[in-house]
Protein backbone atom coordinates (compact mmCIF):
# COMPACT_ATOMS: atom_id res chain seq x y z
CA MET A 1 -0.10 0.06 -0.16
CA ALA A 2 1.22 3.40 -0.90
CA THR A 3 2.45 5.84 1.94
CA GLU A 4 0.19 8.94 2.61
CA ARG A 5 2.83 11.08 0.74
CA GLU A 6 2.90 9.06 -1.97
CA ALA A 7 -1.04 8.67 -2.46
CA LEU A 8 -1.22 12.47 -2.28
CA ILE A 9 1.13 12.83 -5.03
CA ALA A 10 -0.56 10.17 -7.17
CA LEU A 11 -4.08 11.90 -6.33
CA ASN A 12 -2.85 15.04 -7.73
CA LEU A 13 -1.70 13.38 -10.89
CA ILE A 14 -5.44 12.82 -11.88
CA PRO A 15 -6.55 15.94 -13.82
CA GLU A 16 -10.11 15.15 -13.81
CA MET A 17 -10.34 15.67 -10.09
CA GLY A 18 -10.10 19.20 -8.63
CA PRO A 19 -8.87 20.27 -4.86
CA ILE A 20 -12.54 20.51 -3.75
CA ALA A 21 -13.70 17.22 -5.12
CA TRP A 22 -10.38 15.62 -3.62
CA ARG A 23 -11.25 17.34 -0.34
CA LYS A 24 -14.69 15.55 -0.41
CA LEU A 25 -13.28 12.18 -1.14
CA LEU A 26 -10.46 12.58 1.67
CA GLY A 27 -13.38 13.34 4.20
CA ILE A 28 -15.24 10.03 2.95
CA PHE A 29 -12.63 7.86 2.98
CA GLY A 30 -10.09 9.45 5.75
CA SER A 31 -6.59 9.54 4.07
CA ALA A 32 -5.20 9.76 0.50
CA SER A 33 -4.13 6.07 0.51
CA ALA A 34 -7.53 4.97 1.30
CA VAL A 35 -8.88 6.86 -1.42
CA LEU A 36 -5.89 5.76 -3.90
CA ALA A 37 -6.91 1.87 -2.92
CA ALA A 38 -10.67 2.55 -3.61
CA THR A 39 -12.31 0.20 -5.94
CA LYS A 40 -15.46 1.16 -8.34
CA ASP A 41 -17.76 -0.44 -5.93
CA ASP A 42 -16.07 1.81 -3.00
CA LEU A 43 -16.63 4.99 -5.02
CA LYS A 44 -20.19 4.14 -5.92
CA GLU A 45 -21.18 3.03 -2.32
CA ARG A 46 -19.16 5.33 -0.12
CA ALA A 47 -18.91 8.27 -2.48
CA GLY A 48 -22.27 8.14 -4.52
CA PHE A 49 -20.52 7.99 -8.16
CA GLY A 50 -22.36 6.95 -10.92
CA GLU A 51 -21.00 3.73 -12.52
CA GLN A 52 -19.22 5.42 -15.53
CA ARG A 53 -17.39 8.05 -12.95
CA ALA A 54 -16.83 5.54 -10.60
CA ALA A 55 -15.20 3.23 -13.03
CA ALA A 56 -13.07 5.91 -14.93
CA LEU A 57 -11.80 7.03 -11.53
CA ALA A 58 -10.99 3.97 -10.19
CA GLU A 59 -8.90 3.09 -13.54
CA ALA A 60 -7.15 6.39 -13.40
CA LEU A 61 -6.18 5.54 -9.48
CA ARG A 62 -4.88 1.99 -10.61
CA HIS A 63 -2.47 3.65 -12.90
CA ALA A 64 -1.29 6.47 -10.86
CA ASN A 65 2.31 6.33 -10.63
CA PRO A 66 3.94 8.81 -7.92
CA SER A 67 7.47 7.16 -7.78
CA ALA A 68 7.72 7.95 -11.59
CA GLU A 69 6.43 11.41 -11.05
CA ILE A 70 9.19 12.03 -8.16
CA ALA A 71 11.93 10.77 -10.34
CA ARG A 72 10.89 13.00 -13.23
CA ALA A 73 10.88 15.96 -10.92
CA ALA A 74 14.13 15.30 -9.42
CA ARG A 75 15.93 15.10 -12.85
CA ILE A 76 15.11 18.75 -13.31
CA GLY A 77 15.85 19.66 -9.86
CA VAL A 78 12.04 19.75 -8.36
CA ARG A 79 11.43 18.91 -5.12
CA LEU A 80 7.75 17.53 -4.11
CA VAL A 81 6.33 18.54 -1.26
CA ALA A 82 3.04 16.74 -0.27
CA ARG A 83 0.30 18.29 2.09
CA CYS A 84 1.46 15.82 4.84
CA ASP A 85 5.18 16.78 4.74
CA PRO A 86 6.56 18.67 7.73
CA ASN A 87 7.60 21.63 5.36
CA TYR A 88 4.43 22.09 3.75
CA PRO A 89 3.19 25.82 4.68
CA ALA A 90 0.98 25.87 7.66
CA LEU A 91 -0.70 28.65 6.28
CA LEU A 92 -1.69 27.33 3.18
CA ALA A 93 -3.18 24.17 4.50
CA GLU A 94 -5.55 26.36 6.37
CA ILE A 95 -7.48 27.34 3.23
CA HIS A 96 -10.51 25.68 2.17
CA ASP A 97 -8.97 23.80 -0.57
CA PRO A 98 -5.16 23.38 -0.14
CA PRO A 99 -3.27 21.63 -3.04
CA LEU A 100 -2.15 18.30 -2.57
CA ALA A 101 1.25 18.48 -3.52
CA LEU A 102 3.60 21.49 -4.40
CA TYR A 103 6.42 21.08 -7.31
CA CYS A 104 9.06 23.31 -5.86
CA PHE A 105 12.16 24.70 -7.44
CA GLY A 106 14.57 26.76 -5.24
CA ASP A 107 15.06 27.02 -1.62
CA LEU A 108 12.30 25.39 0.45
CA GLU A 109 13.05 27.28 3.61
CA ALA A 110 11.28 30.06 1.97
CA LEU A 111 8.02 28.54 2.72
CA SER A 112 8.32 29.22 6.35
CA VAL A 113 9.29 32.89 5.95
CA PRO A 114 6.43 35.04 6.65
CA ALA A 115 5.03 36.63 3.30
CA ALA A 116 2.76 39.24 1.64
CA ALA A 117 1.70 39.05 -1.96
CA ILE A 118 1.69 41.53 -4.52
CA VAL A 119 -0.58 41.29 -7.62
CA GLY A 120 -1.92 43.53 -10.33
CA THR A 121 -2.43 44.12 -13.67
CA ARG A 122 -0.34 42.40 -16.63
CA LEU A 123 -0.34 45.80 -18.58
CA PRO A 124 0.46 48.46 -16.04
CA SER A 125 1.42 52.26 -16.10
CA VAL A 126 5.32 53.00 -15.63
CA TYR A 127 3.87 54.42 -12.37
CA GLY A 128 2.20 50.98 -11.35
CA SER A 129 5.49 49.10 -12.23
CA GLU A 130 7.46 51.67 -10.19
CA THR A 131 5.01 51.24 -6.85
CA ALA A 132 5.14 47.53 -7.22
CA HIS A 133 8.75 47.68 -7.31
CA ARG A 134 8.81 49.85 -4.29
CA PHE A 135 6.44 48.10 -2.26
CA ALA A 136 8.17 44.58 -2.94
CA TYR A 137 11.71 46.12 -2.17
CA GLY A 138 10.32 47.97 1.05
CA ILE A 139 8.92 44.68 2.53
CA ALA A 140 11.73 42.46 0.98
CA SER A 141 14.18 44.53 2.76
CA ALA A 142 12.15 43.93 5.93
CA GLY A 143 12.67 40.23 5.78
CA PHE A 144 9.23 39.39 4.68
CA CYS A 145 8.83 36.95 1.51
CA VAL A 146 7.42 38.53 -1.90
CA VAL A 147 4.59 36.29 -3.36
CA SER A 148 3.41 36.93 -6.77
CA GLY A 149 2.43 34.98 -9.97
CA MET A 150 5.52 35.44 -12.08
CA ALA A 151 3.09 37.20 -15.09
CA ARG A 152 3.85 40.05 -17.09
CA GLY A 153 3.44 43.66 -15.56
CA ILE A 154 3.00 43.94 -11.75
CA ASP A 155 3.83 40.68 -10.87
CA THR A 156 7.12 40.83 -12.89
CA ALA A 157 7.77 44.38 -11.13
CA ALA A 158 7.16 42.94 -7.31
CA HIS A 159 9.38 39.90 -7.98
CA ARG A 160 12.37 42.22 -9.34
CA GLY A 161 11.89 44.41 -6.63
CA ALA A 162 12.26 41.77 -3.93
CA LEU A 163 15.34 40.54 -5.90
CA ASP A 164 16.71 43.95 -6.01
CA ALA A 165 16.54 44.13 -2.20
CA LYS A 166 18.51 40.86 -1.80
CA GLY A 167 15.42 39.58 -0.22
CA ARG A 168 13.10 36.10 -1.00
CA THR A 169 10.53 36.05 -3.49
CA ILE A 170 7.99 33.25 -4.31
CA GLY A 171 6.46 33.05 -8.08
CA VAL A 172 3.27 30.43 -8.15
CA LEU A 173 3.04 29.62 -11.80
CA GLY A 174 -0.27 29.02 -13.48
CA GLY A 175 0.85 25.72 -15.22
CA ALA A 176 3.47 23.20 -14.51
CA ILE A 177 6.65 24.02 -13.47
CA ASP A 178 8.39 22.31 -16.85
CA CYS A 179 5.85 24.54 -18.85
CA PHE A 180 7.26 28.08 -17.43
CA TYR A 181 4.70 30.78 -18.56
CA PRO A 182 5.38 33.70 -19.80
CA ALA A 183 8.67 32.30 -21.24
CA GLU A 184 10.49 35.62 -21.03
CA ASN A 185 10.39 35.56 -17.15
CA ARG A 186 12.45 32.10 -17.02
CA ASP A 187 15.46 33.95 -16.05
CA LEU A 188 13.68 35.86 -13.51
CA GLY A 189 12.13 32.73 -12.04
CA ARG A 190 15.74 31.20 -11.97
CA ALA A 191 17.01 34.33 -10.16
CA ALA A 192 14.33 34.01 -7.54
CA ALA A 193 15.53 30.31 -7.00
CA LYS A 194 19.10 31.35 -6.55
CA SER A 195 18.25 34.00 -4.25
CA GLY A 196 16.52 32.01 -1.59
CA GLY A 197 12.99 31.95 -3.04
CA LEU A 198 10.97 29.52 -4.93
CA ILE A 199 9.29 29.01 -7.94
CA MET A 200 6.26 26.82 -7.17
CA SER A 201 3.20 24.91 -9.02
CA GLU A 202 0.54 22.55 -7.86
CA PHE A 203 0.21 21.19 -11.58
CA PRO A 204 1.67 17.75 -12.40
CA LEU A 205 4.54 17.97 -14.82
CA GLY A 206 3.76 18.78 -18.16
CA ARG A 207 0.42 20.82 -17.43
CA LYS A 208 0.32 23.44 -19.61
CA PRO A 209 -1.50 26.73 -18.32
CA ASP A 210 -4.87 27.49 -19.56
CA ARG A 211 -8.07 29.37 -18.48
CA THR A 212 -8.76 27.07 -15.81
CA THR A 213 -5.27 26.77 -13.97
CA PHE A 214 -4.63 30.86 -13.58
CA PRO A 215 -7.70 31.28 -10.94
CA MET A 216 -6.68 27.73 -9.22
CA ARG A 217 -2.92 29.57 -9.18
CA ASN A 218 -4.57 32.56 -7.22
CA ARG A 219 -5.69 30.94 -4.06
CA ILE A 220 -2.25 29.43 -3.45
CA ILE A 221 -0.84 33.29 -3.73
CA SER A 222 -3.20 34.52 -1.24
CA GLY A 223 -3.16 31.18 0.63
CA LEU A 224 0.53 31.52 1.11
CA SER A 225 0.60 35.18 2.23
CA ARG A 226 -1.03 37.34 5.42
CA LEU A 227 -1.47 39.90 3.39
CA THR A 228 -2.43 40.63 -0.28
CA LEU A 229 -1.67 44.21 -1.95
CA VAL A 230 -3.33 44.97 -5.33
CA VAL A 231 -1.10 47.88 -7.04
CA GLU A 232 -3.22 48.36 -10.41
CA ALA A 233 -6.36 46.44 -11.44
CA ALA A 234 -9.14 46.62 -13.93
CA ALA A 235 -12.56 46.08 -12.82
CA LYS A 236 -12.92 42.43 -13.92
CA SER A 237 -9.03 41.64 -13.40
CA GLY A 238 -7.78 38.67 -12.16
CA SER A 239 -6.02 40.25 -9.34
CA LEU A 240 -9.50 40.79 -7.88
CA ILE A 241 -10.15 37.13 -7.75
CA THR A 242 -6.83 36.93 -5.68
CA ALA A 243 -8.23 39.57 -3.49
CA SER A 244 -11.56 37.99 -3.06
CA LEU A 245 -9.89 34.59 -2.48
CA ALA A 246 -7.66 36.30 0.26
CA MET A 247 -10.89 37.88 2.09
CA GLU A 248 -12.67 34.39 1.97
CA GLN A 249 -9.19 32.93 3.42
CA GLY A 250 -9.49 35.52 6.35
CA ARG A 251 -6.51 37.28 5.21
CA THR A 252 -5.85 41.23 5.17
CA VAL A 253 -6.10 42.92 1.60
CA MET A 254 -4.79 46.24 0.79
CA ALA A 255 -5.15 48.34 -2.33
CA ILE A 256 -3.01 51.41 -4.12
CA PRO A 257 -5.75 54.09 -4.70
CA GLY A 258 -5.66 55.66 -8.49
CA ARG A 259 -7.23 57.90 -10.60
CA ILE A 260 -10.94 57.41 -10.67
CA ASP A 261 -10.69 57.99 -14.84
CA VAL A 262 -7.85 55.23 -15.13
CA PRO A 263 -9.28 52.09 -15.96
CA THR A 264 -6.43 50.05 -14.35
CA SER A 265 -7.14 52.00 -11.12
CA VAL A 266 -10.94 51.14 -10.81
CA GLY A 267 -10.28 47.57 -9.45
CA CYS A 268 -8.25 49.04 -6.71
CA ASN A 269 -10.57 51.83 -5.86
CA LEU A 270 -13.35 49.60 -5.72
CA LEU A 271 -11.70 47.52 -3.15
CA ILE A 272 -10.89 50.24 -1.10
CA ARG A 273 -14.61 51.41 -1.19
CA ASP A 274 -15.82 48.00 -0.24
CA GLY A 275 -13.28 47.68 2.84
CA ALA A 276 -9.92 46.99 2.05
CA ALA A 277 -7.08 49.03 3.49
CA MET A 278 -5.41 51.81 1.72
CA ALA A 279 -1.64 51.53 1.01
CA LEU A 280 0.39 54.77 0.70
CA SER A 281 3.78 53.45 1.31
CA PRO A 282 5.35 50.38 2.00
CA ASN A 283 5.46 51.15 5.92
CA ASP A 284 1.77 50.50 5.94
CA LEU A 285 2.35 47.14 4.92
CA LEU A 286 4.98 46.89 7.35
CA ASP A 287 2.56 48.26 10.32
CA GLU A 288 -0.46 45.71 8.92
CA LEU A 289 2.14 43.22 9.04
CA GLY A 290 3.23 44.32 12.47
CA THR A 291 -0.26 44.01 14.00
CA LEU A 292 -0.05 40.36 13.18
CA GLY A 293 2.96 39.84 15.14
CA LEU A 294 5.02 38.90 12.11
CA GLN A 295 7.96 41.05 12.72
CA ALA A 296 10.18 38.51 13.99
CA THR A 297 8.44 35.20 13.37
CA GLY A 298 7.82 32.80 10.62
CA ASN A 299 5.25 30.41 9.71
CA THR A 300 6.17 27.08 11.31
CA PRO A 301 4.79 24.07 9.29
CA THR A 302 2.93 21.43 11.53
CA PRO A 303 3.39 17.99 10.57
CA SER A 304 0.54 15.75 9.82
CA CYS A 305 1.86 12.56 9.16
CA GLY A 306 5.01 12.27 11.01
CA GLY A 307 8.60 14.06 10.85
CA PRO A 308 9.74 16.95 13.32
CA ALA A 309 8.78 20.41 12.26
CA PRO A 310 11.51 22.43 11.05
CA THR A 311 12.86 25.26 13.17
CA THR A 312 11.23 28.78 12.45
CA PRO A 313 13.91 30.92 10.91
CA LYS A 314 14.24 34.54 11.66
CA PRO A 315 13.36 36.88 9.03
CA PHE A 316 15.65 37.04 6.11
CA ILE A 317 16.93 40.91 6.61
CA PRO A 318 20.06 41.52 4.25
CA LEU A 319 22.65 43.93 5.66
CA SER A 320 25.66 45.41 4.20
CA ASP A 321 29.02 45.46 6.04
CA GLU A 322 28.55 49.30 6.71
CA GLU A 323 24.70 49.02 7.43
CA GLN A 324 26.01 46.06 10.27
CA ARG A 325 28.67 48.26 11.57
CA LEU A 326 26.09 50.93 12.23
CA TYR A 327 23.30 48.44 13.79
CA ASP A 328 26.04 47.13 16.06
CA VAL A 329 26.77 50.26 17.65
CA ILE A 330 23.21 51.31 17.82
CA GLY A 331 21.60 50.06 21.27
CA HIS A 332 18.10 49.76 22.56
CA GLU A 333 18.68 52.79 24.61
CA GLU A 334 18.60 56.16 22.43
CA THR A 335 21.94 57.12 21.12
CA LEU A 336 23.10 60.31 19.42
CA ILE A 337 23.19 59.72 16.01
CA ASP A 338 26.76 61.52 15.81
CA GLU A 339 27.94 59.11 18.52
CA VAL A 340 26.58 56.19 16.05
CA ILE A 341 28.74 57.68 13.22
CA ARG A 342 31.88 58.21 15.20
CA LEU A 343 31.81 54.90 16.71
CA SER A 344 31.19 52.98 13.47
CA ARG A 345 33.74 55.04 11.48
CA VAL A 346 31.24 55.39 8.60
CA GLU A 347 31.45 58.59 6.56
CA ALA A 348 29.04 60.97 7.72
CA GLY A 349 26.80 61.50 4.64
CA ARG A 350 26.89 57.86 3.88
CA ALA A 351 25.81 56.74 7.48
CA ASN A 352 22.83 59.22 7.71
CA ALA A 353 21.45 57.40 4.29
CA LEU A 354 22.16 53.85 5.80
CA ILE A 355 20.37 54.93 9.21
CA LEU A 356 17.38 55.75 7.13
CA SER A 357 17.54 52.41 5.22
CA LEU A 358 17.93 50.48 8.62
CA GLN A 359 14.66 52.53 9.66
CA LEU A 360 12.97 51.41 6.32
CA LYS A 361 13.86 47.69 7.13
CA ARG A 362 12.19 48.55 10.49
CA LEU A 363 15.39 47.68 12.35
CA VAL A 364 15.89 51.15 14.06
CA GLU A 365 13.81 54.16 14.95
CA ILE A 366 15.02 57.44 14.41
CA LEU A 367 13.81 59.83 17.08
CA PRO A 368 13.66 63.83 17.11
CA GLY A 369 16.66 65.85 18.22
CA GLY A 370 19.32 63.49 16.07
CA TRP A 371 19.07 60.45 18.34
CA VAL A 372 18.40 56.74 17.33
CA LYS A 373 17.50 53.48 19.00
CA ARG A 374 16.85 50.05 17.93
CA LYS A 375 13.37 48.89 17.15
């Protein structure tokens, strides 16, 4: 009999069944391995399937080969994380229809770093792209992972902003990981994977993206994230689907306000009108994440089929050598900035700019009168 992990991967290989249908069957049979072993009669009697549907699913279950899929993935450097694995993201497991398995290329530690999603139109304005980049840079600098969909436009700007901050970013694809879409972002995906982030998909190898896969992908983007920010979106944008899913999942939704006569601002303005929080700077996101207690904690996955849970990492906050020298001098008690500069031996003009950078990263607080202290 297959292990629970193998069974989850096997079920995920059957394209005729979606996550909601699997959720129902898992509830009826109690485990993925029990579903995998189900006969046609079991599916008819216990799940209420008709003769034809039961026969087709029983046949598909018999031919599902998780070992071959795991081996195929390994040959291209992809690791599978099943829903019962200890490093499956606990936050994603909380949603109504979590993926049975995730195909991951990159650093799996990114799954346990607290994350915020940034999404928006594929046809942004220059202002929209710059805004997505700036917000992603700000929250990645503060140690949070930036999640987006690797699509053209706002997604691309968000991923690049996180990478420019030397932070982590996760790209959730709308097709299989070996059918990378869009092709022009393949190098961006590799850069994310090499920089402590991930490229991820729930779809079996070979599954090309289509109209059904992108809405499915959106629930993972919001499901991985405590907060979803919409930068620019039209009234019927797919980004609004992500925002709606985030609300259903009990997550925070924020939006960048825009001109009322610009089509790609309509979606964001409607979100704000209907209760989403307005975001005017990266600090607004950081403050919101702070209210969730996420400045210094990660999402610790909870094992559900054996194995120890990994240690929760501290936020990934990259500091230059000069930033580190300044931070080492700044204490929890108020210190004069002039004294910090003297002790760190960093040139004054450069030091003042770097102290501002440390404040943006939520590591220090600049006080009136030329004082500073650790946050």
